[in-house]
C-alpha atoms as a PDB file:
ATOM      1  CA  MET A   1      -2.421 -36.775  75.301  1.00  0.00           C
ATOM      2  CA  SER A   2      -5.098 -36.406  72.686  1.00  0.00           C
ATOM      3  CA  VAL A   3      -5.023 -33.844  69.850  1.00  0.00           C
ATOM      4  CA  PRO A   4      -8.147 -31.712  69.698  1.00  0.00           C
ATOM      5  CA  ASP A   5     -10.229 -31.946  66.568  1.00  0.00           C
ATOM      6  CA  PRO A   6      -9.680 -29.030  64.163  1.00  0.00           C
ATOM      7  CA  SER A   7     -12.468 -26.572  63.839  1.00  0.00           C
ATOM      8  CA  ALA A   8     -14.809 -27.224  60.951  1.00  0.00           C
ATOM      9  CA  PRO A   9     -14.426 -24.628  58.132  1.00  0.00           C
ATOM     10  CA  ARG A  10     -17.031 -21.956  58.100  1.00  0.00           C
ATOM     11  CA  LYS A  11     -19.453 -22.212  55.250  1.00  0.00           C
ATOM     12  CA  LEU A  12     -20.173 -19.210  53.049  1.00  0.00           C
ATOM     13  CA  SER A  13     -23.549 -17.881  53.751  1.00  0.00           C
ATOM     14  CA  PRO A  14     -26.083 -18.258  50.951  1.00  0.00           C
ATOM     15  CA  LEU A  15     -26.356 -14.473  50.818  1.00  0.00           C
ATOM     16  CA  ARG A  16     -22.671 -14.061  49.894  1.00  0.00           C
ATOM     17  CA  ILE A  17     -22.987 -16.664  47.165  1.00  0.00           C
ATOM     18  CA  TYR A  18     -26.039 -14.934  45.736  1.00  0.00           C
ATOM     19  CA  ILE A  19     -24.254 -11.549  45.821  1.00  0.00           C
ATOM     20  CA  ALA A  20     -21.209 -12.966  43.963  1.00  0.00           C
ATOM     21  CA  PHE A  21     -23.388 -14.561  41.294  1.00  0.00           C
ATOM     22  CA  GLY A  22     -25.410 -11.356  41.062  1.00  0.00           C
ATOM     23  CA  ILE A  23     -22.299  -9.217  40.495  1.00  0.00           C
ATOM     24  CA  ALA A  24     -21.083 -11.639  37.821  1.00  0.00           C
ATOM     25  CA  LEU A  25     -24.468 -11.594  36.129  1.00  0.00           C
ATOM     26  CA  VAL A  26     -24.605  -7.800  36.148  1.00  0.00           C
ATOM     27  CA  ALA A  27     -21.079  -7.651  34.669  1.00  0.00           C
ATOM     28  CA  ILE A  28     -22.031 -10.096  31.916  1.00  0.00           C
ATOM     29  CA  ILE A  29     -25.174  -8.131  31.105  1.00  0.00           C
ATOM     30  CA  ALA A  30     -23.260  -4.830  31.072  1.00  0.00           C
ATOM     31  CA  TRP A  31     -20.490  -6.271  28.847  1.00  0.00           C
ATOM     32  CA  THR A  32     -23.088  -7.772  26.493  1.00  0.00           C
ATOM     33  CA  ALA A  33     -24.862  -4.416  26.263  1.00  0.00           C
ATOM     34  CA  ALA A  34     -21.527  -2.701  25.553  1.00  0.00           C
ATOM     35  CA  TRP A  35     -20.697  -5.250  22.843  1.00  0.00           C
ATOM     36  CA  PHE A  36     -24.051  -4.774  21.105  1.00  0.00           C
ATOM     37  CA  TRP A  37     -23.613  -0.991  21.320  1.00  0.00           C
ATOM     38  CA  ALA A  38     -20.152  -1.321  19.729  1.00  0.00           C
ATOM     39  CA  ARG A  39     -21.595  -3.643  17.080  1.00  0.00           C
ATOM     40  CA  ASN A  40     -24.307  -1.143  16.176  1.00  0.00           C
ATOM     41  CA  GLU A  41     -21.744   1.674  16.204  1.00  0.00           C
ATOM     42  CA  ALA A  42     -19.475  -0.250  13.823  1.00  0.00           C
ATOM     43  CA  GLN A  43     -22.398  -0.904  11.500  1.00  0.00           C
ATOM     44  CA  ALA A  44     -23.487   2.746  11.593  1.00  0.00           C
ATOM     45  CA  ARG A  45     -19.964   4.013  10.914  1.00  0.00           C
ATOM     46  CA  LEU A  46     -19.529   1.569   8.044  1.00  0.00           C
ATOM     47  CA  ASP A  47     -22.782   2.784   6.496  1.00  0.00           C
ATOM     48  CA  ALA A  48     -21.828   6.426   7.071  1.00  0.00           C
ATOM     49  CA  GLY A  49     -18.395   5.934   5.551  1.00  0.00           C
ATOM     50  CA  ALA A  50     -19.879   4.247   2.485  1.00  0.00           C
ATOM     51  CA  ALA A  51     -22.422   7.055   2.113  1.00  0.00           C
ATOM     52  CA  ALA A  52     -19.669   9.697   2.358  1.00  0.00           C
ATOM     53  CA  LEU A  53     -17.625   7.934  -0.317  1.00  0.00           C
ATOM     54  CA  ARG A  54     -20.662   7.675  -2.606  1.00  0.00           C
ATOM     55  CA  ALA A  55     -21.345  11.383  -2.125  1.00  0.00           C
ATOM     56  CA  ALA A  56     -17.731  12.048  -3.160  1.00  0.00           C
ATOM     57  CA  GLY A  57     -18.239  10.114  -6.394  1.00  0.00           C
ATOM     58  CA  TYR A  58     -17.042   6.646  -5.436  1.00  0.00           C
ATOM     59  CA  GLU A  59     -18.956   3.443  -6.092  1.00  0.00           C
ATOM     60  CA  VAL A  60     -19.151   1.369  -2.895  1.00  0.00           C
ATOM     61  CA  ALA A  61     -21.083  -1.878  -2.616  1.00  0.00           C
ATOM     62  CA  TRP A  62     -21.197  -5.287  -0.985  1.00  0.00           C
ATOM     63  CA  LYS A  63     -23.572  -8.216  -1.374  1.00  0.00           C
ATOM     64  CA  GLY A  64     -23.664  -9.337   2.243  1.00  0.00           C
ATOM     65  CA  ARG A  65     -22.499  -8.186   5.664  1.00  0.00           C
ATOM     66  CA  GLU A  66     -22.113 -10.033   8.955  1.00  0.00           C
ATOM     67  CA  ILE A  67     -20.918  -8.602  12.278  1.00  0.00           C
ATOM     68  CA  GLY A  68     -19.990 -10.984  15.087  1.00  0.00           C
ATOM     69  CA  GLY A  69     -17.105 -11.761  17.431  1.00  0.00           C
ATOM     70  CA  TYR A  70     -18.876 -11.668  20.800  1.00  0.00           C
ATOM     71  CA  PRO A  71     -17.647 -11.307  23.508  1.00  0.00           C
ATOM     72  CA  PHE A  72     -14.193  -9.757  23.012  1.00  0.00           C
ATOM     73  CA  ARG A  73     -13.956  -8.842  19.318  1.00  0.00           C
ATOM     74  CA  LEU A  74     -15.820  -7.155  16.496  1.00  0.00           C
ATOM     75  CA  ASN A  75     -15.627  -9.282  13.354  1.00  0.00           C
ATOM     76  CA  VAL A  76     -17.011  -7.750  10.161  1.00  0.00           C
ATOM     77  CA  THR A  77     -17.286  -9.888   7.021  1.00  0.00           C
ATOM     78  CA  LEU A  78     -18.282  -8.373   3.675  1.00  0.00           C
ATOM     79  CA  THR A  79     -19.008 -10.602   0.685  1.00  0.00           C
ATOM     80  CA  ASP A  80     -18.535  -9.408  -2.906  1.00  0.00           C
ATOM     81  CA  ALA A  81     -17.162  -6.059  -1.706  1.00  0.00           C
ATOM     82  CA  ARG A  82     -16.218  -3.423  -4.295  1.00  0.00           C
ATOM     83  CA  ILE A  83     -15.008   0.190  -4.352  1.00  0.00           C
ATOM     84  CA  ARG A  84     -14.355   2.207  -7.517  1.00  0.00           C
ATOM     85  CA  ASP A  85     -13.310   5.836  -8.044  1.00  0.00           C
ATOM     86  CA  ARG A  86     -14.236   8.160 -10.894  1.00  0.00           C
ATOM     87  CA  SER A  87     -10.979   7.589 -12.760  1.00  0.00           C
ATOM     88  CA  GLY A  88     -11.693   3.864 -13.123  1.00  0.00           C
ATOM     89  CA  TRP A  89      -9.459   2.390 -10.431  1.00  0.00           C
ATOM     90  CA  ALA A  90     -11.317  -0.276  -8.456  1.00  0.00           C
ATOM     91  CA  LEU A  91     -10.717  -2.881  -5.772  1.00  0.00           C
ATOM     92  CA  GLU A  92     -12.854  -6.011  -5.422  1.00  0.00           C
ATOM     93  CA  ALA A  93     -12.815  -8.937  -2.996  1.00  0.00           C
ATOM     94  CA  PRO A  94     -15.116 -11.982  -2.858  1.00  0.00           C
ATOM     95  CA  GLU A  95     -14.685 -11.923   0.916  1.00  0.00           C
ATOM     96  CA  LEU A  96     -13.238  -9.145   3.063  1.00  0.00           C
ATOM     97  CA  GLU A  97     -12.747  -9.746   6.784  1.00  0.00           C
ATOM     98  CA  GLY A  98     -12.184  -7.063   9.402  1.00  0.00           C
ATOM     99  CA  GLN A  99     -11.448  -7.504  13.094  1.00  0.00           C
ATOM    100  CA  ALA A 100     -11.061  -5.133  16.040  1.00  0.00           C
ATOM    101  CA  PHE A 101     -10.769  -5.912  19.744  1.00  0.00           C
ATOM    102  CA  MET A 102     -13.228  -4.365  22.146  1.00  0.00           C
ATOM    103  CA  HIS A 103     -10.404  -2.679  24.066  1.00  0.00           C
ATOM    104  CA  ALA A 104      -9.082  -1.066  20.811  1.00  0.00           C
ATOM    105  CA  PRO A 105     -12.116  -0.465  18.572  1.00  0.00           C
ATOM    106  CA  THR A 106     -10.302   1.994  16.261  1.00  0.00           C
ATOM    107  CA  THR A 107      -7.528  -0.445  15.292  1.00  0.00           C
ATOM    108  CA  TRP A 108      -8.674  -2.776  12.526  1.00  0.00           C
ATOM    109  CA  LEU A 109      -7.039  -5.810  10.974  1.00  0.00           C
ATOM    110  CA  LEU A 110      -8.228  -6.625   7.446  1.00  0.00           C
ATOM    111  CA  ALA A 111      -7.780  -9.811   5.410  1.00  0.00           C
ATOM    112  CA  ALA A 112      -8.799 -11.108   1.984  1.00  0.00           C
ATOM    113  CA  PRO A 113      -8.609 -14.920   2.433  1.00  0.00           C
ATOM    114  CA  GLN A 114      -9.905 -15.591  -1.085  1.00  0.00           C
ATOM    115  CA  GLY A 115      -7.690 -12.988  -2.733  1.00  0.00           C
ATOM    116  CA  LEU A 116      -8.672  -9.719  -4.358  1.00  0.00           C
ATOM    117  CA  THR A 117      -8.809  -8.006  -7.741  1.00  0.00           C
ATOM    118  CA  PHE A 118      -7.651  -4.507  -8.605  1.00  0.00           C
ATOM    119  CA  VAL A 119      -8.903  -2.888 -11.780  1.00  0.00           C
ATOM    120  CA  ARG A 120      -6.744  -0.512 -13.825  1.00  0.00           C
ATOM    121  CA  PRO A 121      -8.507   2.230 -15.804  1.00  0.00           C
ATOM    122  CA  VAL A 122      -6.669   1.261 -18.997  1.00  0.00           C
ATOM    123  CA  GLY A 123      -5.070  -2.119 -18.369  1.00  0.00           C
ATOM    124  CA  GLY A 124      -8.074  -3.934 -16.910  1.00  0.00           C
ATOM    125  CA  PRO A 125      -8.450  -6.299 -13.930  1.00  0.00           C
ATOM    126  CA  VAL A 126      -5.608  -8.154 -12.203  1.00  0.00           C
ATOM    127  CA  ARG A 127      -6.411 -11.026  -9.831  1.00  0.00           C
ATOM    128  CA  VAL A 128      -4.171 -11.236  -6.738  1.00  0.00           C
ATOM    129  CA  THR A 129      -3.925 -14.419  -4.680  1.00  0.00           C
ATOM    130  CA  GLY A 130      -1.428 -15.560  -2.065  1.00  0.00           C
ATOM    131  CA  LYS A 131      -0.656 -17.340   1.181  1.00  0.00           C
ATOM    132  CA  LEU A 132      -1.316 -14.141   3.106  1.00  0.00           C
ATOM    133  CA  ILE A 133      -3.100 -10.928   2.141  1.00  0.00           C
ATOM    134  CA  ARG A 134      -3.805  -8.628   5.048  1.00  0.00           C
ATOM    135  CA  ALA A 135      -3.732  -4.993   6.120  1.00  0.00           C
ATOM    136  CA  SER A 136      -4.100  -2.897   9.252  1.00  0.00           C
ATOM    137  CA  LEU A 137      -5.765   0.485   9.717  1.00  0.00           C
ATOM    138  CA  SER A 138      -5.463   2.628  12.840  1.00  0.00           C
ATOM    139  CA  HIS A 139      -5.134   6.209  14.133  1.00  0.00           C
ATOM    140  CA  LEU A 140      -8.054   7.223  11.960  1.00  0.00           C
ATOM    141  CA  THR A 141      -7.884  10.881  13.039  1.00  0.00           C
ATOM    142  CA  ASN A 142      -4.321  11.235  11.718  1.00  0.00           C
ATOM    143  CA  THR A 143      -3.557  12.722   8.302  1.00  0.00           C
ATOM    144  CA  PRO A 144      -2.965  10.256   6.820  1.00  0.00           C
ATOM    145  CA  PRO A 145      -4.185   7.416   9.049  1.00  0.00           C
ATOM    146  CA  ASN A 146      -1.787   4.571   9.714  1.00  0.00           C
ATOM    147  CA  LEU A 147      -2.133   2.034   6.899  1.00  0.00           C
ATOM    148  CA  SER A 148      -0.075  -1.122   6.385  1.00  0.00           C
ATOM    149  CA  PHE A 149      -0.368  -3.872   3.778  1.00  0.00           C
ATOM    150  CA  GLU A 150       1.406  -7.212   3.845  1.00  0.00           C
ATOM    151  CA  GLY A 151       1.317  -9.999   1.272  1.00  0.00           C
ATOM    152  CA  GLU A 152       3.221 -13.287   1.100  1.00  0.00           C
ATOM    153  CA  GLY A 153       3.479 -15.744  -1.761  1.00  0.00           C
ATOM    154  CA  LEU A 154       1.555 -13.446  -4.087  1.00  0.00           C
ATOM    155  CA  THR A 155       0.629 -14.117  -7.707  1.00  0.00           C
ATOM    156  CA  PHE A 156      -0.742 -11.521 -10.132  1.00  0.00           C
ATOM    157  CA  GLN A 157      -2.933 -12.797 -12.962  1.00  0.00           C
ATOM    158  CA  PRO A 158      -4.475 -10.368 -15.503  1.00  0.00           C
ATOM    159  CA  ALA A 159      -8.031 -11.225 -16.503  1.00  0.00           C
ATOM    160  CA  ALA A 160      -8.781 -12.571 -19.947  1.00  0.00           C
ATOM    161  CA  GLY A 161      -8.357  -9.741 -22.451  1.00  0.00           C
ATOM    162  CA  ALA A 162      -6.605  -7.452 -19.929  1.00  0.00           C
ATOM    163  CA  GLN A 163      -3.186  -5.974 -20.571  1.00  0.00           C
ATOM    164  CA  PRO A 164      -0.166  -7.685 -18.969  1.00  0.00           C
ATOM    165  CA  PHE A 165       0.894  -6.594 -15.509  1.00  0.00           C
ATOM    166  CA  GLY A 166       4.574  -5.940 -14.809  1.00  0.00           C
ATOM    167  CA  LEU A 167       4.703  -8.255 -11.768  1.00  0.00           C
ATOM    168  CA  GLN A 168       3.792 -11.934 -12.073  1.00  0.00           C
ATOM    169  CA  ALA A 169       4.614 -13.040  -8.534  1.00  0.00           C
ATOM    170  CA  ALA A 170       6.385 -11.884  -5.370  1.00  0.00           C
ATOM    171  CA  GLU A 171       7.658 -13.659  -2.296  1.00  0.00           C
ATOM    172  CA  ARG A 172       6.701 -10.697  -0.112  1.00  0.00           C
ATOM    173  CA  VAL A 173       5.166  -7.240  -0.598  1.00  0.00           C
ATOM    174  CA  GLU A 174       4.881  -4.573   2.097  1.00  0.00           C
ATOM    175  CA  PHE A 175       3.437  -1.062   2.029  1.00  0.00           C
ATOM    176  CA  HIS A 176       3.244   1.395   4.937  1.00  0.00           C
ATOM    177  CA  LEU A 177       1.752   4.893   5.180  1.00  0.00           C
ATOM    178  CA  ARG A 178       2.296   6.999   8.299  1.00  0.00           C
ATOM    179  CA  GLN A 179       1.761  10.533   9.552  1.00  0.00           C
ATOM    180  CA  ALA A 180       4.979  12.355  10.402  1.00  0.00           C
ATOM    181  CA  PRO A 181       5.591  13.444  14.014  1.00  0.00           C
ATOM    182  CA  ALA A 182       3.914  16.716  14.997  1.00  0.00           C
ATOM    183  CA  GLU A 183       7.211  18.592  15.121  1.00  0.00           C
ATOM    184  CA  VAL A 184       7.874  17.720  11.462  1.00  0.00           C
ATOM    185  CA  GLY A 185       4.634  19.243  10.216  1.00  0.00           C
ATOM    186  CA  ASP A 186       2.198  18.375   7.429  1.00  0.00           C
ATOM    187  CA  GLU A 187       4.040  15.351   6.084  1.00  0.00           C
ATOM    188  CA  GLY A 188       3.484  11.647   5.521  1.00  0.00           C
ATOM    189  CA  GLY A 189       5.893   8.765   5.091  1.00  0.00           C
ATOM    190  CA  VAL A 190       5.552   6.128   2.346  1.00  0.00           C
ATOM    191  CA  TRP A 191       7.453   2.828   2.394  1.00  0.00           C
ATOM    192  CA  LEU A 192       7.252   0.115  -0.269  1.00  0.00           C
ATOM    193  CA  SER A 193       9.129  -3.177  -0.471  1.00  0.00           C
ATOM    194  CA  VAL A 194       8.899  -6.014  -3.005  1.00  0.00           C
ATOM    195  CA  LYS A 195      11.070  -9.074  -2.312  1.00  0.00           C
ATOM    196  CA  ASN A 196      12.018 -11.707  -4.890  1.00  0.00           C
ATOM    197  CA  GLY A 197       9.468 -10.743  -7.483  1.00  0.00           C
ATOM    198  CA  LYS A 198       9.025 -12.361 -10.870  1.00  0.00           C
ATOM    199  CA  ALA A 199       8.420  -9.658 -13.421  1.00  0.00           C
ATOM    200  CA  GLN A 200       7.589  -9.175 -17.068  1.00  0.00           C
ATOM    201  CA  LEU A 201      10.242  -6.604 -17.912  1.00  0.00           C
ATOM    202  CA  SER A 202      11.161  -5.171 -21.275  1.00  0.00           C
ATOM    203  CA  GLY A 203      13.549  -2.574 -22.596  1.00  0.00           C
ATOM    204  CA  LEU A 204      15.891  -1.199 -19.977  1.00  0.00           C
ATOM    205  CA  LEU A 205      15.802  -4.110 -17.530  1.00  0.00           C
ATOM    206  CA  GLY A 206      14.106  -6.993 -19.273  1.00  0.00           C
ATOM    207  CA  ARG A 207      17.026  -8.368 -21.215  1.00  0.00           C
ATOM    208  CA  ILE A 208      19.385  -8.080 -18.251  1.00  0.00           C
ATOM    209  CA  ALA A 209      17.032  -9.498 -15.606  1.00  0.00           C
ATOM    210  CA  GLY A 210      15.905 -12.433 -17.713  1.00  0.00           C
ATOM    211  CA  GLU A 211      14.321 -15.008 -15.402  1.00  0.00           C
ATOM    212  CA  LYS A 212      16.103 -13.678 -12.322  1.00  0.00           C
ATOM    213  CA  PRO A 213      14.044 -12.183  -9.458  1.00  0.00           C
ATOM    214  CA  ILE A 214      13.597  -8.471  -8.913  1.00  0.00           C
ATOM    215  CA  SER A 215      13.417  -6.489  -5.685  1.00  0.00           C
ATOM    216  CA  ILE A 216      12.125  -2.961  -5.085  1.00  0.00           C
ATOM    217  CA  GLU A 217      12.665  -0.627  -2.128  1.00  0.00           C
ATOM    218  CA  TRP A 218      11.225   2.881  -1.721  1.00  0.00           C
ATOM    219  CA  ASP A 219      11.298   5.297   1.214  1.00  0.00           C
ATOM    220  CA  GLY A 220       9.765   8.718   0.601  1.00  0.00           C
ATOM    221  CA  ARG A 221       8.249  11.676   2.452  1.00  0.00           C
ATOM    222  CA  MET A 222       5.236  13.536   1.071  1.00  0.00           C
ATOM    223  CA  SER A 223       4.875  17.198   2.042  1.00  0.00           C
ATOM    224  CA  LYS A 224       1.460  18.928   2.255  1.00  0.00           C
ATOM    225  CA  ILE A 225      -0.100  15.520   2.813  1.00  0.00           C
ATOM    226  CA  SER A 226      -3.342  17.029   4.140  1.00  0.00           C
ATOM    227  CA  ALA A 227      -4.021  18.357   0.624  1.00  0.00           C
ATOM    228  CA  PHE A 228      -3.866  14.858  -0.866  1.00  0.00           C
ATOM    229  CA  ARG A 229      -7.607  14.336  -1.174  1.00  0.00           C
ATOM    230  CA  GLY A 230     -10.177  14.558  -3.921  1.00  0.00           C
ATOM    231  CA  ARG A 231     -13.044  12.871  -5.741  1.00  0.00           C
ATOM    232  CA  ASP A 232     -10.688  10.426  -7.442  1.00  0.00           C
ATOM    233  CA  TRP A 233      -6.979   9.627  -7.809  1.00  0.00           C
ATOM    234  CA  PRO A 234      -6.209  12.335 -10.433  1.00  0.00           C
ATOM    235  CA  GLY A 235      -8.151  14.905  -8.410  1.00  0.00           C
ATOM    236  CA  ALA A 236      -6.260  14.082  -5.221  1.00  0.00           C
ATOM    237  CA  VAL A 237      -2.897  14.326  -7.012  1.00  0.00           C
ATOM    238  CA  ARG A 238      -3.844  17.663  -8.618  1.00  0.00           C
ATOM    239  CA  ASN A 239      -4.976  19.126  -5.283  1.00  0.00           C
ATOM    240  CA  TRP A 240      -1.771  17.968  -3.629  1.00  0.00           C
ATOM    241  CA  THR A 241       0.386  19.435  -6.419  1.00  0.00           C
ATOM    242  CA  ALA A 242      -1.535  22.729  -6.380  1.00  0.00           C
ATOM    243  CA  ALA A 243      -0.820  23.036  -2.649  1.00  0.00           C
ATOM    244  CA  GLY A 244       2.904  22.695  -3.333  1.00  0.00           C
ATOM    245  CA  GLY A 245       3.145  19.029  -2.416  1.00  0.00           C
ATOM    246  CA  GLN A 246       6.201  17.048  -3.426  1.00  0.00           C
ATOM    247  CA  MET A 247       7.921  13.802  -2.482  1.00  0.00           C
ATOM    248  CA  SER A 248      11.367  13.820  -0.950  1.00  0.00           C
ATOM    249  CA  VAL A 249      13.053  10.494  -1.698  1.00  0.00           C
ATOM    250  CA  LYS A 250      15.239   9.262   1.149  1.00  0.00           C
ATOM    251  CA  ARG A 251      16.202   5.902  -0.291  1.00  0.00           C
ATOM    252  CA  GLY A 252      15.119   3.595  -3.063  1.00  0.00           C
ATOM    253  CA  GLY A 253      16.238   1.012  -5.510  1.00  0.00           C
ATOM    254  CA  LEU A 254      15.327  -1.607  -8.057  1.00  0.00           C
ATOM    255  CA  THR A 255      17.404  -4.741  -8.544  1.00  0.00           C
ATOM    256  CA  ALA A 256      16.712  -6.905 -11.593  1.00  0.00           C
ATOM    257  CA  GLY A 257      19.228  -9.643 -12.163  1.00  0.00           C
ATOM    258  CA  ASP A 258      22.619  -7.981 -12.557  1.00  0.00           C
ATOM    259  CA  ALA A 259      21.086  -4.546 -13.104  1.00  0.00           C
ATOM    260  CA  LEU A 260      20.666  -2.084 -10.274  1.00  0.00           C
ATOM    261  CA  ILE A 261      19.132   1.357 -10.006  1.00  0.00           C
ATOM    262  CA  GLY A 262      19.823   2.726  -6.541  1.00  0.00           C
ATOM    263  CA  VAL A 263      18.183   6.016  -5.595  1.00  0.00           C
ATOM    264  CA  ASN A 264      20.363   7.945  -3.161  1.00  0.00           C
ATOM    265  CA  SER A 265      18.170  11.050  -2.879  1.00  0.00           C
ATOM    266  CA  GLY A 266      15.825  13.207  -4.926  1.00  0.00           C
ATOM    267  CA  THR A 267      12.680  15.287  -5.124  1.00  0.00           C
ATOM    268  CA  LEU A 268       9.607  14.525  -7.226  1.00  0.00           C
ATOM    269  CA  ARG A 269       6.314  16.204  -7.994  1.00  0.00           C
ATOM    270  CA  VAL A 270       3.643  15.787 -10.680  1.00  0.00           C
ATOM    271  CA  GLY A 271       3.197  18.003 -13.726  1.00  0.00           C
ATOM    272  CA  PRO A 272      -0.119  19.068 -15.321  1.00  0.00           C
ATOM    273  CA  ASP A 273       0.269  16.265 -17.879  1.00  0.00           C
ATOM    274  CA  GLY A 274       0.144  13.675 -15.095  1.00  0.00           C
ATOM    275  CA  ARG A 275       3.819  12.750 -15.474  1.00  0.00           C
ATOM    276  CA  ALA A 276       6.563  12.893 -12.862  1.00  0.00           C
ATOM    277  CA  VAL A 277       8.732  16.012 -12.636  1.00  0.00           C
ATOM    278  CA  GLY A 278      11.961  16.212 -10.651  1.00  0.00           C
ATOM    279  CA  VAL A 279      15.449  14.824 -10.268  1.00  0.00           C
ATOM    280  CA  LEU A 280      16.939  11.698  -8.687  1.00  0.00           C
ATOM    281  CA  ASP A 281      20.549  11.102  -7.704  1.00  0.00           C
ATOM    282  CA  VAL A 282      21.112   7.463  -8.661  1.00  0.00           C
ATOM    283  CA  SER A 283      23.685   4.698  -8.755  1.00  0.00           C
ATOM    284  CA  LEU A 284      23.566   2.512 -11.872  1.00  0.00           C
ATOM    285  CA  ARG A 285      25.129  -0.921 -12.137  1.00  0.00           C
ATOM    286  CA  GLN A 286      25.553  -2.467 -15.598  1.00  0.00           C
ATOM    287  CA  ALA A 287      24.375   0.827 -17.134  1.00  0.00           C
ATOM    288  CA  PRO A 288      26.212   0.460 -20.475  1.00  0.00           C
ATOM    289  CA  ARG A 289      24.797  -3.041 -20.915  1.00  0.00           C
ATOM    290  CA  ALA A 290      21.275  -1.867 -20.088  1.00  0.00           C
ATOM    291  CA  LEU A 291      21.488   1.040 -22.484  1.00  0.00           C
ATOM    292  CA  GLY A 292      22.797  -1.298 -25.160  1.00  0.00           C
ATOM    293  CA  ALA A 293      19.712  -3.453 -24.630  1.00  0.00           C
ATOM    294  CA  LEU A 294      17.529  -0.373 -25.071  1.00  0.00           C
ATOM    295  CA  SER A 295      19.179   0.350 -28.388  1.00  0.00           C
ATOM    296  CA  ALA A 296      19.058  -3.271 -29.557  1.00  0.00           C
ATOM    297  CA  THR A 297      15.320  -3.499 -28.914  1.00  0.00           C
ATOM    298  CA  GLY A 298      14.661  -0.169 -30.619  1.00  0.00           C
ATOM    299  CA  THR A 299      13.367   1.411 -27.412  1.00  0.00           C
ATOM    300  CA  ILE A 300      15.588   4.453 -28.018  1.00  0.00           C
ATOM    301  CA  PRO A 301      17.569   5.458 -31.137  1.00  0.00           C
ATOM    302  CA  GLN A 302      21.152   4.252 -31.441  1.00  0.00           C
ATOM    303  CA  ASP A 303      22.612   7.760 -31.194  1.00  0.00           C
ATOM    304  CA  ARG A 304      20.809   8.451 -27.906  1.00  0.00           C
ATOM    305  CA  ALA A 305      21.888   5.097 -26.488  1.00  0.00           C
ATOM    306  CA  ASP A 306      25.491   5.833 -27.439  1.00  0.00           C
ATOM    307  CA  ALA A 307      25.342   9.290 -25.863  1.00  0.00           C
ATOM    308  CA  ALA A 308      23.771   7.959 -22.647  1.00  0.00           C
ATOM    309  CA  THR A 309      26.340   5.162 -22.518  1.00  0.00           C
ATOM    310  CA  ALA A 310      29.123   7.724 -22.802  1.00  0.00           C
ATOM    311  CA  VAL A 311      27.604   9.679 -19.887  1.00  0.00           C
ATOM    312  CA  ALA A 312      27.391   6.527 -17.744  1.00  0.00           C
ATOM    313  CA  GLN A 313      30.937   5.416 -18.598  1.00  0.00           C
ATOM    314  CA  ALA A 314      32.327   8.847 -17.784  1.00  0.00           C
ATOM    315  CA  ARG A 315      30.821   8.640 -14.302  1.00  0.00           C
ATOM    316  CA  GLN A 316      31.566   4.969 -13.686  1.00  0.00           C
ATOM    317  CA  ASP A 317      33.631   3.653 -10.807  1.00  0.00           C
ATOM    318  CA  GLY A 318      34.054  -0.078 -11.236  1.00  0.00           C
ATOM    319  CA  ASP A 319      30.739  -1.445 -12.479  1.00  0.00           C
ATOM    320  CA  VAL A 320      28.657   1.317 -10.798  1.00  0.00           C
ATOM    321  CA  ALA A 321      28.025   4.756 -12.274  1.00  0.00           C
ATOM    322  CA  ARG A 322      26.783   7.743 -10.257  1.00  0.00           C
ATOM    323  CA  ALA A 323      24.442   9.963 -12.281  1.00  0.00           C
ATOM    324  CA  THR A 324      21.273  12.062 -12.212  1.00  0.00           C
ATOM    325  CA  ILE A 325      17.963  11.088 -13.760  1.00  0.00           C
ATOM    326  CA  ASN A 326      15.736  14.040 -14.608  1.00  0.00           C
ATOM    327  CA  PHE A 327      12.015  13.989 -15.305  1.00  0.00           C
ATOM    328  CA  GLU A 328      11.123  17.099 -17.258  1.00  0.00           C
ATOM    329  CA  ALA A 329       8.789  18.088 -20.109  1.00  0.00           C
ATOM    330  CA  GLY A 330       7.418  14.556 -20.229  1.00  0.00           C
ATOM    331  CA  GLN A 331      10.857  12.970 -20.747  1.00  0.00           C
ATOM    332  CA  THR A 332      13.293  10.928 -18.683  1.00  0.00           C
ATOM    333  CA  THR A 333      16.881  12.064 -19.218  1.00  0.00           C
ATOM    334  CA  LEU A 334      20.147  10.506 -18.080  1.00  0.00           C
ATOM    335  CA  GLY A 335      22.335  13.541 -17.698  1.00  0.00           C
ATOM    336  CA  PRO A 336      21.555  15.553 -20.851  1.00  0.00           C
ATOM    337  CA  VAL A 337      20.281  12.576 -22.923  1.00  0.00           C
ATOM    338  CA  ALA A 338      16.560  11.805 -23.240  1.00  0.00           C
ATOM    339  CA  ILE A 339      16.083   8.039 -22.948  1.00  0.00           C
ATOM    340  CA  ALA A 340      12.354   7.444 -22.285  1.00  0.00           C
ATOM    341  CA  PRO A 341       9.030   9.125 -21.435  1.00  0.00           C
ATOM    342  CA  ALA A 342       8.678  10.283 -17.846  1.00  0.00           C
ATOM    343  CA  PRO A 343       6.662   7.963 -15.570  1.00  0.00           C
ATOM    344  CA  LYS A 344       2.934   8.653 -15.677  1.00  0.00           C
ATOM    345  CA  VAL A 345       1.217   9.115 -12.294  1.00  0.00           C
ATOM    346  CA  TYR A 346      -2.310   9.486 -13.689  1.00  0.00           C
ATOM    347  CA  GLU A 347      -4.119   9.819 -17.003  1.00  0.00           C
ATOM    348  CA  PRO A 348      -5.205  13.443 -17.642  1.00  0.00           C
ATOM    349  CA  ASN A 349      -8.927  13.765 -18.266  1.00  0.00           C
END
């Protein structure tokens, strides 16, 4: 009994092949057109944003611009990019890279592969380099938009003739800014973390920290965040303060060697002199030793150091004292004792 030969497979007709190739070609052409439209839109929005910032008093410039990434991304590269506000703060980068995917064109990843420089109005430029310097920006219609910064293996080098910067290096730095949920209201969250930093500290913490690393944690909520806008940093802070804005501190702390300042809670705002105003509930470790260092270096008079030490010792449980730090009338007070000027948020004009 013989087995019949199987039927020969049917060949696709040339028409079907042509239709398939035609559909693919149309899709490629449509996607290419969409990519070029998105490229032109990104370029137009970048130009419009720069023009709006210039109209608000900022200096915005770059030497060169390239936009690529076809077919699935938008890659924007700016060379010698710079932005500066009226108060003198500036940010510069020899190369700034931005990337967004075509399916999420409002979510941008930013990187500074050659490092960046920030310029202080009084202190001068500080060059920042590291293994990783990147940021992300999304939800641009939120107030504030979602902003995250991440740096690893960072070094901070003041320019020749510039004033020293408190941080020399850090294993990791993170910063996050978010809009609060709608049910919370007009509020933004601020998170800051510095891990294993090498600092140039003096006075209160310098002699205790020595060569040991420092770490910083901060978790705060800013009310009336929509009012935090202006022609420059001082203007934005003033507008925010005038609207009743303040920061509610949820958690914070600074560890420097054996010294610890842990912030349990508090509320801060900014006075007309540009200095912080408010009160923090804190935990202090090695407080008597730190205050003794302040006195020994002449940072505060001996009688004030003794009085502050007595306050800390009276509230001490083990090696940790629970106390309040007040910022008022331009002074920082530990309990009733003035120990230092209040932190300055901006320089009054």
